[in-house]
Amino acid sequence: MLNVLTGGATYTLQDVSGFASSFIASVVNFLIMAFILFCLLKAVNKVTSLGAKKEEPAAPTTKKCPFCMSEIDIKATRCPHCTSELPEK
């Protein structure tokens, strides 16, 4: 099977070590470039986040029923789960 893929060529130990060293050099170069790009993206994200305004939290839309502790709409006057009348605050 290997002869079909390589065209019947025979490789010496020196050829194989040359292929291996070339492969290892390519992997190391890839890792170095990936690390550099990662650092660049982290720096760009940090710079862009410096000018961003912080969002204020949205007003609550639900509240807890003091009787059954289920979440209900903030405008509700009666709990839909336990049907208790809710005190006005």
PDB file of N, CA and C in Angstrom:
ATOM      1  N   MET A   1       0.823  -1.191   0.000  1.00  0.00           N
ATOM      2  CA  MET A   1       0.000   0.000   0.000  1.00  0.00           C
ATOM      3  C   MET A   1       0.874   1.264   0.000  1.00  0.00           C
ATOM      4  N   LEU A   2       1.921   1.243   0.806  1.00  0.00           N
ATOM      5  CA  LEU A   2       2.801   2.402   0.879  1.00  0.00           C
ATOM      6  C   LEU A   2       3.529   2.635  -0.441  1.00  0.00           C
ATOM      7  N   ASN A   3       3.832   1.558  -1.160  1.00  0.00           N
ATOM      8  CA  ASN A   3       4.506   1.696  -2.454  1.00  0.00           C
ATOM      9  C   ASN A   3       3.617   2.404  -3.463  1.00  0.00           C
ATOM     10  N   VAL A   4       2.323   2.186  -3.374  1.00  0.00           N
ATOM     11  CA  VAL A   4       1.402   2.844  -4.294  1.00  0.00           C
ATOM     12  C   VAL A   4       1.376   4.339  -4.021  1.00  0.00           C
ATOM     13  N   LEU A   5       1.364   4.706  -2.744  1.00  0.00           N
ATOM     14  CA  LEU A   5       1.307   6.119  -2.373  1.00  0.00           C
ATOM     15  C   LEU A   5       2.607   6.857  -2.696  1.00  0.00           C
ATOM     16  N   THR A   6       3.731   6.199  -2.509  1.00  0.00           N
ATOM     17  CA  THR A   6       5.018   6.865  -2.714  1.00  0.00           C
ATOM     18  C   THR A   6       5.582   6.656  -4.108  1.00  0.00           C
ATOM     19  N   GLY A   7       4.917   5.878  -4.923  1.00  0.00           N
ATOM     20  CA  GLY A   7       5.420   5.621  -6.278  1.00  0.00           C
ATOM     21  C   GLY A   7       6.572   4.651  -6.292  1.00  0.00           C
ATOM     22  N   GLY A   8       6.681   3.827  -5.264  1.00  0.00           N
ATOM     23  CA  GLY A   8       7.739   2.818  -5.214  1.00  0.00           C
ATOM     24  C   GLY A   8       9.076   3.366  -4.797  1.00  0.00           C
ATOM     25  N   ALA A   9       9.141   4.605  -4.329  1.00  0.00           N
ATOM     26  CA  ALA A   9      10.416   5.199  -3.923  1.00  0.00           C
ATOM     27  C   ALA A   9      10.852   4.626  -2.583  1.00  0.00           C
ATOM     28  N   THR A  10      12.137   4.526  -2.411  1.00  0.00           N
ATOM     29  CA  THR A  10      12.678   4.085  -1.124  1.00  0.00           C
ATOM     30  C   THR A  10      13.336   5.276  -0.455  1.00  0.00           C
ATOM     31  N   TYR A  11      13.124   5.376   0.818  1.00  0.00           N
ATOM     32  CA  TYR A  11      13.654   6.510   1.582  1.00  0.00           C
ATOM     33  C   TYR A  11      14.702   6.023   2.554  1.00  0.00           C
ATOM     34  N   THR A  12      15.781   6.778   2.668  1.00  0.00           N
ATOM     35  CA  THR A  12      16.832   6.444   3.611  1.00  0.00           C
ATOM     36  C   THR A  12      16.484   7.054   4.969  1.00  0.00           C
ATOM     37  N   LEU A  13      17.236   6.679   5.952  1.00  0.00           N
ATOM     38  CA  LEU A  13      17.022   7.210   7.289  1.00  0.00           C
ATOM     39  C   LEU A  13      17.258   8.714   7.315  1.00  0.00           C
ATOM     40  N   GLN A  14      18.182   9.189   6.497  1.00  0.00           N
ATOM     41  CA  GLN A  14      18.463  10.624   6.412  1.00  0.00           C
ATOM     42  C   GLN A  14      17.270  11.368   5.813  1.00  0.00           C
ATOM     43  N   ASP A  15      16.593  10.787   4.813  1.00  0.00           N
ATOM     44  CA  ASP A  15      15.404  11.403   4.227  1.00  0.00           C
ATOM     45  C   ASP A  15      14.264  11.485   5.254  1.00  0.00           C
ATOM     46  N   VAL A  16      14.076  10.413   5.982  1.00  0.00           N
ATOM     47  CA  VAL A  16      13.006  10.372   6.979  1.00  0.00           C
ATOM     48  C   VAL A  16      13.264  11.386   8.080  1.00  0.00           C
ATOM     49  N   SER A  17      14.508  11.497   8.525  1.00  0.00           N
ATOM     50  CA  SER A  17      14.818  12.480   9.570  1.00  0.00           C
ATOM     51  C   SER A  17      14.639  13.901   9.038  1.00  0.00           C
ATOM     52  N   GLY A  18      14.903  14.108   7.752  1.00  0.00           N
ATOM     53  CA  GLY A  18      14.672  15.419   7.138  1.00  0.00           C
ATOM     54  C   GLY A  18      13.191  15.758   7.110  1.00  0.00           C
ATOM     55  N   PHE A  19      12.340  14.772   6.770  1.00  0.00           N
ATOM     56  CA  PHE A  19      10.895  14.989   6.781  1.00  0.00           C
ATOM     57  C   PHE A  19      10.404  15.291   8.193  1.00  0.00           C
ATOM     58  N   ALA A  20      10.903  14.544   9.172  1.00  0.00           N
ATOM     59  CA  ALA A  20      10.469  14.724  10.558  1.00  0.00           C
ATOM     60  C   ALA A  20      10.887  16.099  11.075  1.00  0.00           C
ATOM     61  N   SER A  21      12.106  16.511  10.787  1.00  0.00           N
ATOM     62  CA  SER A  21      12.558  17.819  11.286  1.00  0.00           C
ATOM     63  C   SER A  21      11.778  18.943  10.607  1.00  0.00           C
ATOM     64  N   SER A  22      11.439  18.775   9.352  1.00  0.00           N
ATOM     65  CA  SER A  22      10.636  19.773   8.648  1.00  0.00           C
ATOM     66  C   SER A  22       9.237  19.853   9.254  1.00  0.00           C
ATOM     67  N   PHE A  23       8.668  18.699   9.571  1.00  0.00           N
ATOM     68  CA  PHE A  23       7.336  18.662  10.184  1.00  0.00           C
ATOM     69  C   PHE A  23       7.355  19.320  11.560  1.00  0.00           C
ATOM     70  N   ILE A  24       8.347  19.010  12.369  1.00  0.00           N
ATOM     71  CA  ILE A  24       8.446  19.591  13.716  1.00  0.00           C
ATOM     72  C   ILE A  24       8.640  21.100  13.630  1.00  0.00           C
ATOM     73  N   ALA A  25       9.440  21.559  12.683  1.00  0.00           N
ATOM     74  CA  ALA A  25       9.645  23.001  12.510  1.00  0.00           C
ATOM     75  C   ALA A  25       8.338  23.683  12.113  1.00  0.00           C
ATOM     76  N   SER A  26       7.546  23.038  11.260  1.00  0.00           N
ATOM     77  CA  SER A  26       6.256  23.606  10.856  1.00  0.00           C
ATOM     78  C   SER A  26       5.299  23.684  12.035  1.00  0.00           C
ATOM     79  N   VAL A  27       5.275  22.667  12.875  1.00  0.00           N
ATOM     80  CA  VAL A  27       4.399  22.670  14.048  1.00  0.00           C
ATOM     81  C   VAL A  27       4.818  23.772  15.015  1.00  0.00           C
ATOM     82  N   VAL A  28       6.101  23.917  15.252  1.00  0.00           N
ATOM     83  CA  VAL A  28       6.590  24.960  16.157  1.00  0.00           C
ATOM     84  C   VAL A  28       6.265  26.344  15.600  1.00  0.00           C
ATOM     85  N   ASN A  29       6.449  26.554  14.301  1.00  0.00           N
ATOM     86  CA  ASN A  29       6.104  27.841  13.688  1.00  0.00           C
ATOM     87  C   ASN A  29       4.615  28.130  13.810  1.00  0.00           C
ATOM     88  N   PHE A  30       3.779  27.107  13.623  1.00  0.00           N
ATOM     89  CA  PHE A  30       2.338  27.289  13.774  1.00  0.00           C
ATOM     90  C   PHE A  30       1.988  27.705  15.200  1.00  0.00           C
ATOM     91  N   LEU A  31       2.572  27.043  16.186  1.00  0.00           N
ATOM     92  CA  LEU A  31       2.276  27.368  17.586  1.00  0.00           C
ATOM     93  C   LEU A  31       2.727  28.786  17.932  1.00  0.00           C
ATOM     94  N   ILE A  32       3.873  29.200  17.429  1.00  0.00           N
ATOM     95  CA  ILE A  32       4.355  30.559  17.681  1.00  0.00           C
ATOM     96  C   ILE A  32       3.409  31.581  17.068  1.00  0.00           C
ATOM     97  N   MET A  33       2.986  31.357  15.829  1.00  0.00           N
ATOM     98  CA  MET A  33       2.066  32.288  15.167  1.00  0.00           C
ATOM     99  C   MET A  33       0.710  32.318  15.863  1.00  0.00           C
ATOM    100  N   ALA A  34       0.230  31.162  16.304  1.00  0.00           N
ATOM    101  CA  ALA A  34      -1.048  31.110  17.008  1.00  0.00           C
ATOM    102  C   ALA A  34      -0.964  31.889  18.320  1.00  0.00           C
ATOM    103  N   PHE A  35       0.145  31.783  19.034  1.00  0.00           N
ATOM    104  CA  PHE A  35       0.318  32.520  20.286  1.00  0.00           C
ATOM    105  C   PHE A  35       0.374  34.027  20.030  1.00  0.00           C
ATOM    106  N   ILE A  36       1.080  34.424  18.977  1.00  0.00           N
ATOM    107  CA  ILE A  36       1.170  35.850  18.647  1.00  0.00           C
ATOM    108  C   ILE A  36      -0.204  36.406  18.288  1.00  0.00           C
ATOM    109  N   LEU A  37      -0.958  35.689  17.462  1.00  0.00           N
ATOM    110  CA  LEU A  37      -2.306  36.145  17.109  1.00  0.00           C
ATOM    111  C   LEU A  37      -3.222  36.202  18.323  1.00  0.00           C
ATOM    112  N   PHE A  38      -3.102  35.225  19.221  1.00  0.00           N
ATOM    113  CA  PHE A  38      -3.895  35.223  20.447  1.00  0.00           C
ATOM    114  C   PHE A  38      -3.596  36.468  21.283  1.00  0.00           C
ATOM    115  N   CYS A  39      -2.321  36.791  21.443  1.00  0.00           N
ATOM    116  CA  CYS A  39      -1.940  37.975  22.230  1.00  0.00           C
ATOM    117  C   CYS A  39      -2.426  39.257  21.568  1.00  0.00           C
ATOM    118  N   LEU A  40      -2.332  39.330  20.238  1.00  0.00           N
ATOM    119  CA  LEU A  40      -2.816  40.508  19.523  1.00  0.00           C
ATOM    120  C   LEU A  40      -4.322  40.684  19.700  1.00  0.00           C
ATOM    121  N   LEU A  41      -5.075  39.613  19.589  1.00  0.00           N
ATOM    122  CA  LEU A  41      -6.531  39.707  19.752  1.00  0.00           C
ATOM    123  C   LEU A  41      -6.910  40.091  21.179  1.00  0.00           C
ATOM    124  N   LYS A  42      -6.184  39.560  22.160  1.00  0.00           N
ATOM    125  CA  LYS A  42      -6.453  39.946  23.551  1.00  0.00           C
ATOM    126  C   LYS A  42      -6.202  41.444  23.745  1.00  0.00           C
ATOM    127  N   ALA A  43      -5.130  41.969  23.159  1.00  0.00           N
ATOM    128  CA  ALA A  43      -4.808  43.390  23.292  1.00  0.00           C
ATOM    129  C   ALA A  43      -5.855  44.250  22.592  1.00  0.00           C
ATOM    130  N   VAL A  44      -6.280  43.851  21.405  1.00  0.00           N
ATOM    131  CA  VAL A  44      -7.290  44.615  20.671  1.00  0.00           C
ATOM    132  C   VAL A  44      -8.610  44.611  21.437  1.00  0.00           C
ATOM    133  N   ASN A  45      -8.998  43.479  21.976  1.00  0.00           N
ATOM    134  CA  ASN A  45     -10.238  43.414  22.757  1.00  0.00           C
ATOM    135  C   ASN A  45     -10.166  44.291  24.004  1.00  0.00           C
ATOM    136  N   LYS A  46      -9.018  44.333  24.637  1.00  0.00           N
ATOM    137  CA  LYS A  46      -8.866  45.169  25.829  1.00  0.00           C
ATOM    138  C   LYS A  46      -8.959  46.647  25.467  1.00  0.00           C
ATOM    139  N   VAL A  47      -8.349  47.038  24.347  1.00  0.00           N
ATOM    140  CA  VAL A  47      -8.381  48.435  23.916  1.00  0.00           C
ATOM    141  C   VAL A  47      -9.803  48.845  23.547  1.00  0.00           C
ATOM    142  N   THR A  48     -10.523  47.983  22.849  1.00  0.00           N
ATOM    143  CA  THR A  48     -11.893  48.332  22.453  1.00  0.00           C
ATOM    144  C   THR A  48     -12.839  48.357  23.643  1.00  0.00           C
ATOM    145  N   SER A  49     -12.565  47.591  24.680  1.00  0.00           N
ATOM    146  CA  SER A  49     -13.459  47.587  25.839  1.00  0.00           C
ATOM    147  C   SER A  49     -13.215  48.788  26.751  1.00  0.00           C
ATOM    148  N   LEU A  50     -12.099  49.485  26.588  1.00  0.00           N
ATOM    149  CA  LEU A  50     -11.837  50.652  27.423  1.00  0.00           C
ATOM    150  C   LEU A  50     -12.823  51.777  27.140  1.00  0.00           C
ATOM    151  N   GLY A  51     -13.226  51.947  25.885  1.00  0.00           N
ATOM    152  CA  GLY A  51     -14.124  53.026  25.518  1.00  0.00           C
ATOM    153  C   GLY A  51     -15.596  52.670  25.660  1.00  0.00           C
ATOM    154  N   ALA A  52     -15.904  51.433  25.962  1.00  0.00           N
ATOM    155  CA  ALA A  52     -17.302  51.006  26.044  1.00  0.00           C
ATOM    156  C   ALA A  52     -17.936  51.484  27.349  1.00  0.00           C
ATOM    157  N   LYS A  53     -19.183  51.931  27.241  1.00  0.00           N
ATOM    158  CA  LYS A  53     -19.907  52.359  28.433  1.00  0.00           C
ATOM    159  C   LYS A  53     -20.517  51.144  29.118  1.00  0.00           C
ATOM    160  N   LYS A  54     -20.546  51.175  30.420  1.00  0.00           N
ATOM    161  CA  LYS A  54     -21.142  50.082  31.170  1.00  0.00           C
ATOM    162  C   LYS A  54     -22.660  50.222  31.154  1.00  0.00           C
ATOM    163  N   GLU A  55     -23.334  49.118  30.890  1.00  0.00           N
ATOM    164  CA  GLU A  55     -24.786  49.124  30.845  1.00  0.00           C
ATOM    165  C   GLU A  55     -25.350  49.056  32.260  1.00  0.00           C
ATOM    166  N   GLU A  56     -26.392  49.835  32.480  1.00  0.00           N
ATOM    167  CA  GLU A  56     -27.053  49.786  33.776  1.00  0.00           C
ATOM    168  C   GLU A  56     -28.002  48.601  33.792  1.00  0.00           C
ATOM    169  N   PRO A  57     -28.174  47.966  34.942  1.00  0.00           N
ATOM    170  CA  PRO A  57     -29.077  46.825  34.998  1.00  0.00           C
ATOM    171  C   PRO A  57     -30.516  47.258  34.725  1.00  0.00           C
ATOM    172  N   ALA A  58     -31.240  46.408  34.037  1.00  0.00           N
ATOM    173  CA  ALA A  58     -32.623  46.706  33.684  1.00  0.00           C
ATOM    174  C   ALA A  58     -33.502  46.625  34.934  1.00  0.00           C
ATOM    175  N   ALA A  59     -34.610  47.369  34.901  1.00  0.00           N
ATOM    176  CA  ALA A  59     -35.547  47.339  36.022  1.00  0.00           C
ATOM    177  C   ALA A  59     -36.154  45.943  36.125  1.00  0.00           C
ATOM    178  N   PRO A  60     -36.407  45.471  37.347  1.00  0.00           N
ATOM    179  CA  PRO A  60     -36.963  44.124  37.494  1.00  0.00           C
ATOM    180  C   PRO A  60     -38.373  44.044  36.914  1.00  0.00           C
ATOM    181  N   THR A  61     -38.693  42.911  36.326  1.00  0.00           N
ATOM    182  CA  THR A  61     -40.027  42.703  35.754  1.00  0.00           C
ATOM    183  C   THR A  61     -40.826  41.682  36.542  1.00  0.00           C
ATOM    184  N   THR A  62     -40.180  41.036  37.527  1.00  0.00           N
ATOM    185  CA  THR A  62     -40.878  40.050  38.353  1.00  0.00           C
ATOM    186  C   THR A  62     -40.590  40.315  39.819  1.00  0.00           C
ATOM    187  N   LYS A  63     -41.440  39.745  40.646  1.00  0.00           N
ATOM    188  CA  LYS A  63     -41.222  39.789  42.095  1.00  0.00           C
ATOM    189  C   LYS A  63     -41.616  38.444  42.666  1.00  0.00           C
ATOM    190  N   LYS A  64     -41.250  38.199  43.921  1.00  0.00           N
ATOM    191  CA  LYS A  64     -41.565  36.938  44.570  1.00  0.00           C
ATOM    192  C   LYS A  64     -42.810  37.100  45.427  1.00  0.00           C
ATOM    193  N   CYS A  65     -43.673  36.111  45.364  1.00  0.00           N
ATOM    194  CA  CYS A  65     -44.856  36.080  46.225  1.00  0.00           C
ATOM    195  C   CYS A  65     -44.386  35.784  47.642  1.00  0.00           C
ATOM    196  N   PRO A  66     -44.775  36.595  48.633  1.00  0.00           N
ATOM    197  CA  PRO A  66     -44.306  36.345  49.999  1.00  0.00           C
ATOM    198  C   PRO A  66     -44.907  35.091  50.615  1.00  0.00           C
ATOM    199  N   PHE A  67     -45.947  34.534  50.021  1.00  0.00           N
ATOM    200  CA  PHE A  67     -46.620  33.368  50.590  1.00  0.00           C
ATOM    201  C   PHE A  67     -46.094  32.054  50.003  1.00  0.00           C
ATOM    202  N   CYS A  68     -46.007  31.972  48.686  1.00  0.00           N
ATOM    203  CA  CYS A  68     -45.568  30.710  48.061  1.00  0.00           C
ATOM    204  C   CYS A  68     -44.182  30.809  47.442  1.00  0.00           C
ATOM    205  N   MET A  69     -43.575  31.989  47.436  1.00  0.00           N
ATOM    206  CA  MET A  69     -42.218  32.236  46.943  1.00  0.00           C
ATOM    207  C   MET A  69     -42.052  31.951  45.449  1.00  0.00           C
ATOM    208  N   SER A  70     -43.127  31.999  44.672  1.00  0.00           N
ATOM    209  CA  SER A  70     -43.009  31.829  43.225  1.00  0.00           C
ATOM    210  C   SER A  70     -42.847  33.201  42.583  1.00  0.00           C
ATOM    211  N   GLU A  71     -42.248  33.220  41.402  1.00  0.00           N
ATOM    212  CA  GLU A  71     -42.043  34.488  40.705  1.00  0.00           C
ATOM    213  C   GLU A  71     -43.312  34.872  39.957  1.00  0.00           C
ATOM    214  N   ILE A  72     -43.706  36.131  40.115  1.00  0.00           N
ATOM    215  CA  ILE A  72     -44.910  36.635  39.461  1.00  0.00           C
ATOM    216  C   ILE A  72     -44.595  37.984  38.831  1.00  0.00           C
ATOM    217  N   ASP A  73     -45.492  38.467  37.994  1.00  0.00           N
ATOM    218  CA  ASP A  73     -45.316  39.751  37.335  1.00  0.00           C
ATOM    219  C   ASP A  73     -45.280  40.871  38.371  1.00  0.00           C
ATOM    220  N   ILE A  74     -44.529  41.909  38.109  1.00  0.00           N
ATOM    221  CA  ILE A  74     -44.357  43.011  39.063  1.00  0.00           C
ATOM    222  C   ILE A  74     -45.653  43.780  39.275  1.00  0.00           C
ATOM    223  N   LYS A  75     -46.553  43.780  38.277  1.00  0.00           N
ATOM    224  CA  LYS A  75     -47.796  44.535  38.381  1.00  0.00           C
ATOM    225  C   LYS A  75     -48.934  43.722  39.006  1.00  0.00           C
ATOM    226  N   ALA A  76     -48.709  42.464  39.313  1.00  0.00           N
ATOM    227  CA  ALA A  76     -49.774  41.603  39.823  1.00  0.00           C
ATOM    228  C   ALA A  76     -50.215  42.028  41.226  1.00  0.00           C
ATOM    229  N   THR A  77     -51.519  41.949  41.472  1.00  0.00           N
ATOM    230  CA  THR A  77     -52.066  42.241  42.803  1.00  0.00           C
ATOM    231  C   THR A  77     -52.484  40.965  43.506  1.00  0.00           C
ATOM    232  N   ARG A  78     -52.517  39.862  42.760  1.00  0.00           N
ATOM    233  CA  ARG A  78     -52.878  38.566  43.323  1.00  0.00           C
ATOM    234  C   ARG A  78     -51.960  37.514  42.695  1.00  0.00           C
ATOM    235  N   CYS A  79     -51.487  36.586  43.492  1.00  0.00           N
ATOM    236  CA  CYS A  79     -50.578  35.550  43.010  1.00  0.00           C
ATOM    237  C   CYS A  79     -51.364  34.533  42.174  1.00  0.00           C
ATOM    238  N   PRO A  80     -50.906  34.230  40.949  1.00  0.00           N
ATOM    239  CA  PRO A  80     -51.625  33.253  40.131  1.00  0.00           C
ATOM    240  C   PRO A  80     -51.417  31.811  40.591  1.00  0.00           C
ATOM    241  N   HIS A  81     -50.437  31.573  41.464  1.00  0.00           N
ATOM    242  CA  HIS A  81     -50.148  30.217  41.915  1.00  0.00           C
ATOM    243  C   HIS A  81     -50.914  29.861  43.192  1.00  0.00           C
ATOM    244  N   CYS A  82     -50.881  30.754  44.176  1.00  0.00           N
ATOM    245  CA  CYS A  82     -51.542  30.450  45.443  1.00  0.00           C
ATOM    246  C   CYS A  82     -52.780  31.313  45.667  1.00  0.00           C
ATOM    247  N   THR A  83     -53.086  32.215  44.746  1.00  0.00           N
ATOM    248  CA  THR A  83     -54.252  33.131  44.762  1.00  0.00           C
ATOM    249  C   THR A  83     -54.294  34.028  45.997  1.00  0.00           C
ATOM    250  N   SER A  84     -53.192  34.277  46.619  1.00  0.00           N
ATOM    251  CA  SER A  84     -53.157  35.185  47.774  1.00  0.00           C
ATOM    252  C   SER A  84     -53.129  36.614  47.283  1.00  0.00           C
ATOM    253  N   GLU A  85     -53.781  37.502  48.036  1.00  0.00           N
ATOM    254  CA  GLU A  85     -53.714  38.926  47.705  1.00  0.00           C
ATOM    255  C   GLU A  85     -52.366  39.447  48.182  1.00  0.00           C
ATOM    256  N   LEU A  86     -51.722  40.192  47.303  1.00  0.00           N
ATOM    257  CA  LEU A  86     -50.395  40.692  47.611  1.00  0.00           C
ATOM    258  C   LEU A  86     -50.493  42.083  48.228  1.00  0.00           C
ATOM    259  N   PRO A  87     -49.728  42.310  49.268  1.00  0.00           N
ATOM    260  CA  PRO A  87     -49.760  43.649  49.888  1.00  0.00           C
ATOM    261  C   PRO A  87     -49.091  44.670  48.982  1.00  0.00           C
ATOM    262  N   GLU A  88     -49.651  45.858  48.930  1.00  0.00           N
ATOM    263  CA  GLU A  88     -49.077  46.941  48.139  1.00  0.00           C
ATOM    264  C   GLU A  88     -47.884  47.520  48.879  1.00  0.00           C
ATOM    265  N   LYS A  89     -46.851  47.829  48.151  1.00  0.00           N
ATOM    266  CA  LYS A  89     -45.653  48.379  48.799  1.00  0.00           C
ATOM    267  C   LYS A  89     -45.528  49.833  48.494  1.00  0.00           C
TER     268      LYS A  89
END
